[in-house]
Amino acid sequence: MLTTLAKLSLAQERGLILVVEVRGIVKLKRSQWKSYQTVYGTELARERYLIALKLANSENDLARQAIIQDSLGEVDITLDQLKSAIQWFEKAQNNYRALGDQAKVQKMQQQLDDLKKRID
């Protein structure tokens, strides 16, 4: 049986990249690596934003909530979850409105308009 180090060396010789995950080792071609990084890095960012949002919610911090919701919308666009992105931008827009930040309200409206065009 090959050791993990031997498996990594063998994979590199064959032009593969091995990624160790909780569910096991994933073999990727070099051409797939960028997509993998984008998706899984973005999913990790999404998880961390959700944790930060829970904290901001518990502290009733509307400014932080709005920034995090805006960021979650951007993350969901990257993950091609456009309906979810719309929901995050609407929440962010409501918080920016409550804070009186008209520039951010308008920015969120532009994002919402653009996304709704993409979905239609």
PDB file of N, CA and C in Angstrom:
ATOM      1  N   MET A   1       0.848  -1.181   0.000  1.00  0.00           N
ATOM      2  CA  MET A   1       0.000   0.000   0.000  1.00  0.00           C
ATOM      3  C   MET A   1       0.894   1.246   0.000  1.00  0.00           C
ATOM      4  N   LEU A   2       0.550   2.221  -0.835  1.00  0.00           N
ATOM      5  CA  LEU A   2       1.334   3.443  -0.934  1.00  0.00           C
ATOM      6  C   LEU A   2       1.048   4.371   0.242  1.00  0.00           C
ATOM      7  N   THR A   3       2.075   5.051   0.704  1.00  0.00           N
ATOM      8  CA  THR A   3       1.881   6.061   1.736  1.00  0.00           C
ATOM      9  C   THR A   3       1.261   7.291   1.094  1.00  0.00           C
ATOM     10  N   THR A   4       0.751   8.181   1.911  1.00  0.00           N
ATOM     11  CA  THR A   4       0.160   9.413   1.385  1.00  0.00           C
ATOM     12  C   THR A   4       1.182  10.204   0.593  1.00  0.00           C
ATOM     13  N   LEU A   5       2.416  10.268   1.086  1.00  0.00           N
ATOM     14  CA  LEU A   5       3.465  11.001   0.389  1.00  0.00           C
ATOM     15  C   LEU A   5       3.741  10.375  -0.982  1.00  0.00           C
ATOM     16  N   ALA A   6       3.774   9.049  -1.034  1.00  0.00           N
ATOM     17  CA  ALA A   6       3.994   8.353  -2.303  1.00  0.00           C
ATOM     18  C   ALA A   6       2.831   8.613  -3.269  1.00  0.00           C
ATOM     19  N   LYS A   7       1.603   8.645  -2.748  1.00  0.00           N
ATOM     20  CA  LYS A   7       0.442   8.925  -3.586  1.00  0.00           C
ATOM     21  C   LYS A   7       0.522  10.337  -4.148  1.00  0.00           C
ATOM     22  N   LEU A   8       0.950  11.283  -3.321  1.00  0.00           N
ATOM     23  CA  LEU A   8       1.086  12.662  -3.783  1.00  0.00           C
ATOM     24  C   LEU A   8       2.134  12.763  -4.876  1.00  0.00           C
ATOM     25  N   SER A   9       3.256  12.086  -4.691  1.00  0.00           N
ATOM     26  CA  SER A   9       4.312  12.112  -5.702  1.00  0.00           C
ATOM     27  C   SER A   9       3.838  11.496  -7.002  1.00  0.00           C
ATOM     28  N   LEU A  10       3.159  10.373  -6.910  1.00  0.00           N
ATOM     29  CA  LEU A  10       2.638   9.702  -8.094  1.00  0.00           C
ATOM     30  C   LEU A  10       1.631  10.597  -8.820  1.00  0.00           C
ATOM     31  N   ALA A  11       0.779  11.239  -8.062  1.00  0.00           N
ATOM     32  CA  ALA A  11      -0.217  12.122  -8.660  1.00  0.00           C
ATOM     33  C   ALA A  11       0.454  13.286  -9.372  1.00  0.00           C
ATOM     34  N   GLN A  12       1.492  13.844  -8.776  1.00  0.00           N
ATOM     35  CA  GLN A  12       2.189  14.966  -9.405  1.00  0.00           C
ATOM     36  C   GLN A  12       2.833  14.537 -10.720  1.00  0.00           C
ATOM     37  N   GLU A  13       3.383  13.330 -10.742  1.00  0.00           N
ATOM     38  CA  GLU A  13       3.989  12.830 -11.977  1.00  0.00           C
ATOM     39  C   GLU A  13       2.948  12.677 -13.074  1.00  0.00           C
ATOM     40  N   ARG A  14       1.756  12.368 -12.717  1.00  0.00           N
ATOM     41  CA  ARG A  14       0.677  12.180 -13.694  1.00  0.00           C
ATOM     42  C   ARG A  14      -0.057  13.485 -13.992  1.00  0.00           C
ATOM     43  N   GLY A  15       0.427  14.594 -13.453  1.00  0.00           N
ATOM     44  CA  GLY A  15      -0.199  15.887 -13.720  1.00  0.00           C
ATOM     45  C   GLY A  15      -1.485  16.114 -12.954  1.00  0.00           C
ATOM     46  N   LEU A  16      -1.637  15.457 -11.825  1.00  0.00           N
ATOM     47  CA  LEU A  16      -2.840  15.621 -11.012  1.00  0.00           C
ATOM     48  C   LEU A  16      -2.518  16.403  -9.745  1.00  0.00           C
ATOM     49  N   ILE A  17      -3.530  16.974  -9.175  1.00  0.00           N
ATOM     50  CA  ILE A  17      -3.412  17.629  -7.880  1.00  0.00           C
ATOM     51  C   ILE A  17      -4.353  16.881  -6.954  1.00  0.00           C
ATOM     52  N   LEU A  18      -3.857  16.499  -5.796  1.00  0.00           N
ATOM     53  CA  LEU A  18      -4.697  15.829  -4.813  1.00  0.00           C
ATOM     54  C   LEU A  18      -5.073  16.825  -3.736  1.00  0.00           C
ATOM     55  N   VAL A  19      -6.338  16.840  -3.400  1.00  0.00           N
ATOM     56  CA  VAL A  19      -6.832  17.724  -2.358  1.00  0.00           C
ATOM     57  C   VAL A  19      -7.412  16.842  -1.263  1.00  0.00           C
ATOM     58  N   VAL A  20      -6.908  17.012  -0.063  1.00  0.00           N
ATOM     59  CA  VAL A  20      -7.403  16.221   1.058  1.00  0.00           C
ATOM     60  C   VAL A  20      -8.607  16.943   1.639  1.00  0.00           C
ATOM     61  N   GLU A  21      -9.726  16.257   1.676  1.00  0.00           N
ATOM     62  CA  GLU A  21     -10.959  16.796   2.225  1.00  0.00           C
ATOM     63  C   GLU A  21     -11.447  15.857   3.311  1.00  0.00           C
ATOM     64  N   VAL A  22     -12.461  16.307   4.035  1.00  0.00           N
ATOM     65  CA  VAL A  22     -13.042  15.473   5.080  1.00  0.00           C
ATOM     66  C   VAL A  22     -13.583  14.181   4.490  1.00  0.00           C
ATOM     67  N   ARG A  23     -14.162  14.282   3.300  1.00  0.00           N
ATOM     68  CA  ARG A  23     -14.769  13.096   2.693  1.00  0.00           C
ATOM     69  C   ARG A  23     -13.759  12.204   1.988  1.00  0.00           C
ATOM     70  N   GLY A  24     -12.495  12.597   1.948  1.00  0.00           N
ATOM     71  CA  GLY A  24     -11.472  11.785   1.310  1.00  0.00           C
ATOM     72  C   GLY A  24     -10.572  12.629   0.438  1.00  0.00           C
ATOM     73  N   ILE A  25      -9.835  11.979  -0.426  1.00  0.00           N
ATOM     74  CA  ILE A  25      -8.913  12.671  -1.319  1.00  0.00           C
ATOM     75  C   ILE A  25      -9.579  12.831  -2.681  1.00  0.00           C
ATOM     76  N   VAL A  26      -9.538  14.038  -3.194  1.00  0.00           N
ATOM     77  CA  VAL A  26     -10.124  14.346  -4.495  1.00  0.00           C
ATOM     78  C   VAL A  26      -8.988  14.520  -5.489  1.00  0.00           C
ATOM     79  N   LYS A  27      -9.070  13.815  -6.616  1.00  0.00           N
ATOM     80  CA  LYS A  27      -8.060  13.951  -7.675  1.00  0.00           C
ATOM     81  C   LYS A  27      -8.559  14.964  -8.693  1.00  0.00           C
ATOM     82  N   LEU A  28      -7.715  15.926  -8.986  1.00  0.00           N
ATOM     83  CA  LEU A  28      -8.065  16.958  -9.953  1.00  0.00           C
ATOM     84  C   LEU A  28      -6.973  17.096 -10.995  1.00  0.00           C
ATOM     85  N   LYS A  29      -7.360  17.356 -12.220  1.00  0.00           N
ATOM     86  CA  LYS A  29      -6.391  17.732 -13.239  1.00  0.00           C
ATOM     87  C   LYS A  29      -6.012  19.179 -12.975  1.00  0.00           C
ATOM     88  N   ARG A  30      -4.836  19.571 -13.411  1.00  0.00           N
ATOM     89  CA  ARG A  30      -4.394  20.958 -13.190  1.00  0.00           C
ATOM     90  C   ARG A  30      -5.404  21.966 -13.734  1.00  0.00           C
ATOM     91  N   SER A  31      -6.045  21.628 -14.831  1.00  0.00           N
ATOM     92  CA  SER A  31      -7.014  22.549 -15.431  1.00  0.00           C
ATOM     93  C   SER A  31      -8.255  22.725 -14.555  1.00  0.00           C
ATOM     94  N   GLN A  32      -8.524  21.795 -13.659  1.00  0.00           N
ATOM     95  CA  GLN A  32      -9.684  21.867 -12.781  1.00  0.00           C
ATOM     96  C   GLN A  32      -9.381  22.599 -11.473  1.00  0.00           C
ATOM     97  N   TRP A  33      -8.101  22.797 -11.165  1.00  0.00           N
ATOM     98  CA  TRP A  33      -7.695  23.340  -9.877  1.00  0.00           C
ATOM     99  C   TRP A  33      -8.261  24.729  -9.630  1.00  0.00           C
ATOM    100  N   LYS A  34      -8.218  25.615 -10.625  1.00  0.00           N
ATOM    101  CA  LYS A  34      -8.698  26.990 -10.457  1.00  0.00           C
ATOM    102  C   LYS A  34     -10.182  26.996 -10.104  1.00  0.00           C
ATOM    103  N   SER A  35     -10.962  26.189 -10.796  1.00  0.00           N
ATOM    104  CA  SER A  35     -12.396  26.114 -10.506  1.00  0.00           C
ATOM    105  C   SER A  35     -12.635  25.575  -9.099  1.00  0.00           C
ATOM    106  N   TYR A  36     -11.871  24.558  -8.728  1.00  0.00           N
ATOM    107  CA  TYR A  36     -12.005  23.974  -7.395  1.00  0.00           C
ATOM    108  C   TYR A  36     -11.716  25.030  -6.330  1.00  0.00           C
ATOM    109  N   GLN A  37     -10.622  25.765  -6.506  1.00  0.00           N
ATOM    110  CA  GLN A  37     -10.252  26.810  -5.551  1.00  0.00           C
ATOM    111  C   GLN A  37     -11.345  27.859  -5.437  1.00  0.00           C
ATOM    112  N   THR A  38     -11.877  28.268  -6.577  1.00  0.00           N
ATOM    113  CA  THR A  38     -12.913  29.295  -6.585  1.00  0.00           C
ATOM    114  C   THR A  38     -14.146  28.829  -5.833  1.00  0.00           C
ATOM    115  N   VAL A  39     -14.636  27.643  -6.171  1.00  0.00           N
ATOM    116  CA  VAL A  39     -15.868  27.148  -5.553  1.00  0.00           C
ATOM    117  C   VAL A  39     -15.671  26.851  -4.075  1.00  0.00           C
ATOM    118  N   TYR A  40     -14.662  26.065  -3.726  1.00  0.00           N
ATOM    119  CA  TYR A  40     -14.508  25.662  -2.331  1.00  0.00           C
ATOM    120  C   TYR A  40     -14.006  26.801  -1.457  1.00  0.00           C
ATOM    121  N   GLY A  41     -13.167  27.677  -2.006  1.00  0.00           N
ATOM    122  CA  GLY A  41     -12.744  28.850  -1.247  1.00  0.00           C
ATOM    123  C   GLY A  41     -13.917  29.769  -0.994  1.00  0.00           C
ATOM    124  N   THR A  42     -14.782  29.894  -1.992  1.00  0.00           N
ATOM    125  CA  THR A  42     -15.959  30.741  -1.866  1.00  0.00           C
ATOM    126  C   THR A  42     -16.945  30.137  -0.876  1.00  0.00           C
ATOM    127  N   GLU A  43     -17.108  28.834  -0.901  1.00  0.00           N
ATOM    128  CA  GLU A  43     -18.008  28.184   0.058  1.00  0.00           C
ATOM    129  C   GLU A  43     -17.491  28.358   1.484  1.00  0.00           C
ATOM    130  N   LEU A  44     -16.190  28.285   1.658  1.00  0.00           N
ATOM    131  CA  LEU A  44     -15.604  28.503   2.981  1.00  0.00           C
ATOM    132  C   LEU A  44     -15.847  29.944   3.420  1.00  0.00           C
ATOM    133  N   ALA A  45     -15.680  30.880   2.512  1.00  0.00           N
ATOM    134  CA  ALA A  45     -15.946  32.288   2.829  1.00  0.00           C
ATOM    135  C   ALA A  45     -17.407  32.462   3.229  1.00  0.00           C
ATOM    136  N   ARG A  46     -18.305  31.799   2.506  1.00  0.00           N
ATOM    137  CA  ARG A  46     -19.746  31.892   2.806  1.00  0.00           C
ATOM    138  C   ARG A  46     -20.024  31.401   4.223  1.00  0.00           C
ATOM    139  N   GLU A  47     -19.436  30.277   4.586  1.00  0.00           N
ATOM    140  CA  GLU A  47     -19.621  29.739   5.943  1.00  0.00           C
ATOM    141  C   GLU A  47     -19.154  30.732   6.997  1.00  0.00           C
ATOM    142  N   ARG A  48     -18.010  31.354   6.752  1.00  0.00           N
ATOM    143  CA  ARG A  48     -17.471  32.305   7.725  1.00  0.00           C
ATOM    144  C   ARG A  48     -18.316  33.569   7.807  1.00  0.00           C
ATOM    145  N   TYR A  49     -18.827  34.029   6.662  1.00  0.00           N
ATOM    146  CA  TYR A  49     -19.724  35.183   6.680  1.00  0.00           C
ATOM    147  C   TYR A  49     -20.994  34.871   7.481  1.00  0.00           C
ATOM    148  N   LEU A  50     -21.510  33.656   7.335  1.00  0.00           N
ATOM    149  CA  LEU A  50     -22.721  33.287   8.077  1.00  0.00           C
ATOM    150  C   LEU A  50     -22.469  33.293   9.588  1.00  0.00           C
ATOM    151  N   ILE A  51     -21.296  32.851   9.994  1.00  0.00           N
ATOM    152  CA  ILE A  51     -20.937  32.896  11.417  1.00  0.00           C
ATOM    153  C   ILE A  51     -20.856  34.348  11.887  1.00  0.00           C
ATOM    154  N   ALA A  52     -20.209  35.181  11.088  1.00  0.00           N
ATOM    155  CA  ALA A  52     -20.086  36.602  11.432  1.00  0.00           C
ATOM    156  C   ALA A  52     -21.468  37.259  11.491  1.00  0.00           C
ATOM    157  N   LEU A  53     -22.368  36.861  10.601  1.00  0.00           N
ATOM    158  CA  LEU A  53     -23.712  37.425  10.592  1.00  0.00           C
ATOM    159  C   LEU A  53     -24.470  37.064  11.867  1.00  0.00           C
ATOM    160  N   LYS A  54     -24.313  35.840  12.331  1.00  0.00           N
ATOM    161  CA  LYS A  54     -24.956  35.446  13.592  1.00  0.00           C
ATOM    162  C   LYS A  54     -24.498  36.343  14.734  1.00  0.00           C
ATOM    163  N   LEU A  55     -23.206  36.617  14.775  1.00  0.00           N
ATOM    164  CA  LEU A  55     -22.669  37.492  15.815  1.00  0.00           C
ATOM    165  C   LEU A  55     -23.221  38.912  15.665  1.00  0.00           C
ATOM    166  N   ALA A  56     -23.221  39.434  14.457  1.00  0.00           N
ATOM    167  CA  ALA A  56     -23.751  40.782  14.222  1.00  0.00           C
ATOM    168  C   ALA A  56     -25.233  40.859  14.580  1.00  0.00           C
ATOM    169  N   ASN A  57     -25.982  39.795  14.287  1.00  0.00           N
ATOM    170  CA  ASN A  57     -27.404  39.752  14.643  1.00  0.00           C
ATOM    171  C   ASN A  57     -27.581  39.754  16.155  1.00  0.00           C
ATOM    172  N   SER A  58     -26.765  38.972  16.839  1.00  0.00           N
ATOM    173  CA  SER A  58     -26.894  38.891  18.301  1.00  0.00           C
ATOM    174  C   SER A  58     -26.559  40.220  18.975  1.00  0.00           C
ATOM    175  N   GLU A  59     -25.744  41.031  18.312  1.00  0.00           N
ATOM    176  CA  GLU A  59     -25.366  42.339  18.852  1.00  0.00           C
ATOM    177  C   GLU A  59     -26.225  43.469  18.285  1.00  0.00           C
ATOM    178  N   ASN A  60     -27.226  43.125  17.467  1.00  0.00           N
ATOM    179  CA  ASN A  60     -28.091  44.110  16.820  1.00  0.00           C
ATOM    180  C   ASN A  60     -27.290  45.196  16.108  1.00  0.00           C
ATOM    181  N   ASP A  61     -26.218  44.790  15.450  1.00  0.00           N
ATOM    182  CA  ASP A  61     -25.327  45.709  14.746  1.00  0.00           C
ATOM    183  C   ASP A  61     -25.740  45.779  13.280  1.00  0.00           C
ATOM    184  N   LEU A  62     -26.626  46.740  12.965  1.00  0.00           N
ATOM    185  CA  LEU A  62     -27.164  46.846  11.604  1.00  0.00           C
ATOM    186  C   LEU A  62     -26.095  47.124  10.564  1.00  0.00           C
ATOM    187  N   ALA A  63     -25.108  47.939  10.910  1.00  0.00           N
ATOM    188  CA  ALA A  63     -24.051  48.266   9.941  1.00  0.00           C
ATOM    189  C   ALA A  63     -23.280  47.017   9.548  1.00  0.00           C
ATOM    190  N   ARG A  64     -22.873  46.232  10.537  1.00  0.00           N
ATOM    191  CA  ARG A  64     -22.143  44.995  10.227  1.00  0.00           C
ATOM    192  C   ARG A  64     -23.039  43.998   9.508  1.00  0.00           C
ATOM    193  N   GLN A  65     -24.289  43.915   9.912  1.00  0.00           N
ATOM    194  CA  GLN A  65     -25.219  43.010   9.236  1.00  0.00           C
ATOM    195  C   GLN A  65     -25.314  43.365   7.754  1.00  0.00           C
ATOM    196  N   ALA A  66     -25.459  44.644   7.459  1.00  0.00           N
ATOM    197  CA  ALA A  66     -25.599  45.079   6.070  1.00  0.00           C
ATOM    198  C   ALA A  66     -24.353  44.744   5.247  1.00  0.00           C
ATOM    199  N   ILE A  67     -23.184  45.011   5.813  1.00  0.00           N
ATOM    200  CA  ILE A  67     -21.933  44.721   5.100  1.00  0.00           C
ATOM    201  C   ILE A  67     -21.803  43.226   4.832  1.00  0.00           C
ATOM    202  N   ILE A  68     -22.115  42.417   5.828  1.00  0.00           N
ATOM    203  CA  ILE A  68     -22.001  40.956   5.685  1.00  0.00           C
ATOM    204  C   ILE A  68     -23.036  40.438   4.694  1.00  0.00           C
ATOM    205  N   GLN A  69     -24.259  40.958   4.768  1.00  0.00           N
ATOM    206  CA  GLN A  69     -25.299  40.526   3.823  1.00  0.00           C
ATOM    207  C   GLN A  69     -24.919  40.904   2.392  1.00  0.00           C
ATOM    208  N   ASP A  70     -24.366  42.079   2.223  1.00  0.00           N
ATOM    209  CA  ASP A  70     -23.864  42.510   0.913  1.00  0.00           C
ATOM    210  C   ASP A  70     -22.789  41.531   0.424  1.00  0.00           C
ATOM    211  N   SER A  71     -21.871  41.169   1.301  1.00  0.00           N
ATOM    212  CA  SER A  71     -20.801  40.231   0.956  1.00  0.00           C
ATOM    213  C   SER A  71     -21.357  38.849   0.621  1.00  0.00           C
ATOM    214  N   LEU A  72     -22.346  38.404   1.378  1.00  0.00           N
ATOM    215  CA  LEU A  72     -22.972  37.110   1.089  1.00  0.00           C
ATOM    216  C   LEU A  72     -23.643  37.125  -0.286  1.00  0.00           C
ATOM    217  N   GLY A  73     -24.219  38.253  -0.659  1.00  0.00           N
ATOM    218  CA  GLY A  73     -24.790  38.375  -1.997  1.00  0.00           C
ATOM    219  C   GLY A  73     -23.729  38.210  -3.069  1.00  0.00           C
ATOM    220  N   GLU A  74     -22.577  38.836  -2.851  1.00  0.00           N
ATOM    221  CA  GLU A  74     -21.470  38.713  -3.809  1.00  0.00           C
ATOM    222  C   GLU A  74     -20.971  37.268  -3.890  1.00  0.00           C
ATOM    223  N   VAL A  75     -20.869  36.619  -2.743  1.00  0.00           N
ATOM    224  CA  VAL A  75     -20.429  35.222  -2.705  1.00  0.00           C
ATOM    225  C   VAL A  75     -21.413  34.342  -3.474  1.00  0.00           C
ATOM    226  N   ASP A  76     -22.702  34.563  -3.247  1.00  0.00           N
ATOM    227  CA  ASP A  76     -23.702  33.742  -3.932  1.00  0.00           C
ATOM    228  C   ASP A  76     -23.705  33.970  -5.440  1.00  0.00           C
ATOM    229  N   ILE A  77     -23.363  35.178  -5.885  1.00  0.00           N
ATOM    230  CA  ILE A  77     -23.218  35.405  -7.329  1.00  0.00           C
ATOM    231  C   ILE A  77     -22.089  34.522  -7.855  1.00  0.00           C
ATOM    232  N   THR A  78     -20.966  34.483  -7.131  1.00  0.00           N
ATOM    233  CA  THR A  78     -19.826  33.659  -7.543  1.00  0.00           C
ATOM    234  C   THR A  78     -20.219  32.184  -7.604  1.00  0.00           C
ATOM    235  N   LEU A  79     -21.067  31.755  -6.671  1.00  0.00           N
ATOM    236  CA  LEU A  79     -21.521  30.365  -6.636  1.00  0.00           C
ATOM    237  C   LEU A  79     -22.704  30.115  -7.577  1.00  0.00           C
ATOM    238  N   ASP A  80     -23.104  31.151  -8.330  1.00  0.00           N
ATOM    239  CA  ASP A  80     -24.223  31.077  -9.275  1.00  0.00           C
ATOM    240  C   ASP A  80     -25.535  30.745  -8.569  1.00  0.00           C
ATOM    241  N   GLN A  81     -25.687  31.266  -7.360  1.00  0.00           N
ATOM    242  CA  GLN A  81     -26.936  31.123  -6.599  1.00  0.00           C
ATOM    243  C   GLN A  81     -27.626  32.488  -6.597  1.00  0.00           C
ATOM    244  N   LEU A  82     -28.140  32.840  -7.755  1.00  0.00           N
ATOM    245  CA  LEU A  82     -28.622  34.199  -7.977  1.00  0.00           C
ATOM    246  C   LEU A  82     -29.854  34.554  -7.144  1.00  0.00           C
ATOM    247  N   LYS A  83     -30.764  33.630  -6.955  1.00  0.00           N
ATOM    248  CA  LYS A  83     -31.953  33.920  -6.140  1.00  0.00           C
ATOM    249  C   LYS A  83     -31.565  34.180  -4.689  1.00  0.00           C
ATOM    250  N   SER A  84     -30.610  33.426  -4.197  1.00  0.00           N
ATOM    251  CA  SER A  84     -30.116  33.649  -2.840  1.00  0.00           C
ATOM    252  C   SER A  84     -29.400  34.994  -2.746  1.00  0.00           C
ATOM    253  N   ALA A  85     -28.638  35.332  -3.784  1.00  0.00           N
ATOM    254  CA  ALA A  85     -27.951  36.626  -3.814  1.00  0.00           C
ATOM    255  C   ALA A  85     -28.961  37.764  -3.739  1.00  0.00           C
ATOM    256  N   ILE A  86     -30.057  37.634  -4.456  1.00  0.00           N
ATOM    257  CA  ILE A  86     -31.106  38.659  -4.413  1.00  0.00           C
ATOM    258  C   ILE A  86     -31.620  38.833  -2.988  1.00  0.00           C
ATOM    259  N   GLN A  87     -31.858  37.727  -2.307  1.00  0.00           N
ATOM    260  CA  GLN A  87     -32.357  37.812  -0.925  1.00  0.00           C
ATOM    261  C   GLN A  87     -31.366  38.536  -0.015  1.00  0.00           C
ATOM    262  N   TRP A  88     -30.071  38.226  -0.173  1.00  0.00           N
ATOM    263  CA  TRP A  88     -29.063  38.898   0.654  1.00  0.00           C
ATOM    264  C   TRP A  88     -29.005  40.387   0.344  1.00  0.00           C
ATOM    265  N   PHE A  89     -29.054  40.753  -0.936  1.00  0.00           N
ATOM    266  CA  PHE A  89     -28.997  42.166  -1.297  1.00  0.00           C
ATOM    267  C   PHE A  89     -30.231  42.918  -0.798  1.00  0.00           C
ATOM    268  N   GLU A  90     -31.395  42.263  -0.822  1.00  0.00           N
ATOM    269  CA  GLU A  90     -32.602  42.910  -0.297  1.00  0.00           C
ATOM    270  C   GLU A  90     -32.469  43.161   1.208  1.00  0.00           C
ATOM    271  N   LYS A  91     -31.929  42.185   1.925  1.00  0.00           N
ATOM    272  CA  LYS A  91     -31.724  42.359   3.376  1.00  0.00           C
ATOM    273  C   LYS A  91     -30.713  43.475   3.645  1.00  0.00           C
ATOM    274  N   ALA A  92     -29.624  43.473   2.883  1.00  0.00           N
ATOM    275  CA  ALA A  92     -28.609  44.519   3.048  1.00  0.00           C
ATOM    276  C   ALA A  92     -29.218  45.882   2.745  1.00  0.00           C
ATOM    277  N   GLN A  93     -29.997  45.959   1.679  1.00  0.00           N
ATOM    278  CA  GLN A  93     -30.625  47.219   1.296  1.00  0.00           C
ATOM    279  C   GLN A  93     -31.529  47.739   2.409  1.00  0.00           C
ATOM    280  N   ASN A  94     -32.314  46.847   3.005  1.00  0.00           N
ATOM    281  CA  ASN A  94     -33.191  47.252   4.111  1.00  0.00           C
ATOM    282  C   ASN A  94     -32.386  47.792   5.293  1.00  0.00           C
ATOM    283  N   ASN A  95     -31.273  47.142   5.597  1.00  0.00           N
ATOM    284  CA  ASN A  95     -30.442  47.617   6.705  1.00  0.00           C
ATOM    285  C   ASN A  95     -29.769  48.947   6.367  1.00  0.00           C
ATOM    286  N   TYR A  96     -29.279  49.089   5.140  1.00  0.00           N
ATOM    287  CA  TYR A  96     -28.685  50.365   4.735  1.00  0.00           C
ATOM    288  C   TYR A  96     -29.737  51.485   4.793  1.00  0.00           C
ATOM    289  N   ARG A  97     -30.970  51.154   4.395  1.00  0.00           N
ATOM    290  CA  ARG A  97     -32.063  52.137   4.443  1.00  0.00           C
ATOM    291  C   ARG A  97     -32.310  52.554   5.903  1.00  0.00           C
ATOM    292  N   ALA A  98     -32.341  51.571   6.803  1.00  0.00           N
ATOM    293  CA  ALA A  98     -32.554  51.865   8.229  1.00  0.00           C
ATOM    294  C   ALA A  98     -31.422  52.721   8.790  1.00  0.00           C
ATOM    295  N   LEU A  99     -30.227  52.553   8.238  1.00  0.00           N
ATOM    296  CA  LEU A  99     -29.070  53.339   8.683  1.00  0.00           C
ATOM    297  C   LEU A  99     -29.003  54.718   8.010  1.00  0.00           C
ATOM    298  N   GLY A 100     -29.850  54.927   7.008  1.00  0.00           N
ATOM    299  CA  GLY A 100     -29.863  56.205   6.295  1.00  0.00           C
ATOM    300  C   GLY A 100     -28.754  56.355   5.269  1.00  0.00           C
ATOM    301  N   ASP A 101     -28.173  55.249   4.814  1.00  0.00           N
ATOM    302  CA  ASP A 101     -27.081  55.287   3.841  1.00  0.00           C
ATOM    303  C   ASP A 101     -27.654  55.145   2.427  1.00  0.00           C
ATOM    304  N   GLN A 102     -28.068  56.279   1.856  1.00  0.00           N
ATOM    305  CA  GLN A 102     -28.724  56.264   0.543  1.00  0.00           C
ATOM    306  C   GLN A 102     -27.809  55.777  -0.584  1.00  0.00           C
ATOM    307  N   ALA A 103     -26.520  56.062  -0.489  1.00  0.00           N
ATOM    308  CA  ALA A 103     -25.596  55.590  -1.529  1.00  0.00           C
ATOM    309  C   ALA A 103     -25.579  54.066  -1.580  1.00  0.00           C
ATOM    310  N   LYS A 104     -25.554  53.432  -0.418  1.00  0.00           N
ATOM    311  CA  LYS A 104     -25.555  51.958  -0.373  1.00  0.00           C
ATOM    312  C   LYS A 104     -26.916  51.399  -0.784  1.00  0.00           C
ATOM    313  N   VAL A 105     -27.988  52.093  -0.432  1.00  0.00           N
ATOM    314  CA  VAL A 105     -29.323  51.659  -0.856  1.00  0.00           C
ATOM    315  C   VAL A 105     -29.380  51.638  -2.377  1.00  0.00           C
ATOM    316  N   GLN A 106     -28.853  52.678  -3.009  1.00  0.00           N
ATOM    317  CA  GLN A 106     -28.847  52.744  -4.471  1.00  0.00           C
ATOM    318  C   GLN A 106     -27.947  51.669  -5.079  1.00  0.00           C
ATOM    319  N   LYS A 107     -26.788  51.422  -4.439  1.00  0.00           N
ATOM    320  CA  LYS A 107     -25.880  50.364  -4.917  1.00  0.00           C
ATOM    321  C   LYS A 107     -26.589  49.006  -4.878  1.00  0.00           C
ATOM    322  N   MET A 108     -27.300  48.738  -3.787  1.00  0.00           N
ATOM    323  CA  MET A 108     -28.023  47.470  -3.669  1.00  0.00           C
ATOM    324  C   MET A 108     -29.126  47.386  -4.718  1.00  0.00           C
ATOM    325  N   GLN A 109     -29.791  48.507  -4.988  1.00  0.00           N
ATOM    326  CA  GLN A 109     -30.852  48.505  -5.995  1.00  0.00           C
ATOM    327  C   GLN A 109     -30.284  48.179  -7.370  1.00  0.00           C
ATOM    328  N   GLN A 110     -29.112  48.728  -7.672  1.00  0.00           N
ATOM    329  CA  GLN A 110     -28.459  48.430  -8.951  1.00  0.00           C
ATOM    330  C   GLN A 110     -28.116  46.943  -9.047  1.00  0.00           C
ATOM    331  N   GLN A 111     -27.582  46.388  -7.958  1.00  0.00           N
ATOM    332  CA  GLN A 111     -27.270  44.949  -7.922  1.00  0.00           C
ATOM    333  C   GLN A 111     -28.536  44.124  -8.152  1.00  0.00           C
ATOM    334  N   LEU A 112     -29.611  44.510  -7.456  1.00  0.00           N
ATOM    335  CA  LEU A 112     -30.875  43.782  -7.588  1.00  0.00           C
ATOM    336  C   LEU A 112     -31.415  43.857  -9.014  1.00  0.00           C
ATOM    337  N   ASP A 113     -31.376  45.035  -9.592  1.00  0.00           N
ATOM    338  CA  ASP A 113     -31.856  45.193 -10.972  1.00  0.00           C
ATOM    339  C   ASP A 113     -31.043  44.325 -11.939  1.00  0.00           C
ATOM    340  N   ASP A 114     -29.725  44.352 -11.787  1.00  0.00           N
ATOM    341  CA  ASP A 114     -28.848  43.555 -12.656  1.00  0.00           C
ATOM    342  C   ASP A 114     -29.124  42.063 -12.496  1.00  0.00           C
ATOM    343  N   LEU A 115     -29.275  41.608 -11.264  1.00  0.00           N
ATOM    344  CA  LEU A 115     -29.524  40.182 -11.028  1.00  0.00           C
ATOM    345  C   LEU A 115     -30.871  39.749 -11.577  1.00  0.00           C
ATOM    346  N   LYS A 116     -31.874  40.572 -11.376  1.00  0.00           N
ATOM    347  CA  LYS A 116     -33.206  40.211 -11.861  1.00  0.00           C
ATOM    348  C   LYS A 116     -33.232  40.109 -13.387  1.00  0.00           C
ATOM    349  N   LYS A 117     -32.446  40.918 -14.064  1.00  0.00           N
ATOM    350  CA  LYS A 117     -32.326  40.814 -15.528  1.00  0.00           C
ATOM    351  C   LYS A 117     -31.672  39.486 -15.923  1.00  0.00           C
ATOM    352  N   ARG A 118     -30.691  39.076 -15.138  1.00  0.00           N
ATOM    353  CA  ARG A 118     -30.001  37.809 -15.444  1.00  0.00           C
ATOM    354  C   ARG A 118     -30.905  36.599 -15.239  1.00  0.00           C
ATOM    355  N   ILE A 119     -31.821  36.702 -14.296  1.00  0.00           N
ATOM    356  CA  ILE A 119     -32.704  35.575 -13.997  1.00  0.00           C
ATOM    357  C   ILE A 119     -33.851  35.487 -15.005  1.00  0.00           C
ATOM    358  N   ASP A 120     -34.340  36.638 -15.457  1.00  0.00           N
ATOM    359  CA  ASP A 120     -35.475  36.655 -16.397  1.00  0.00           C
ATOM    360  C   ASP A 120     -35.148  36.085 -17.737  1.00  0.00           C
TER     361      ASP A 120
END
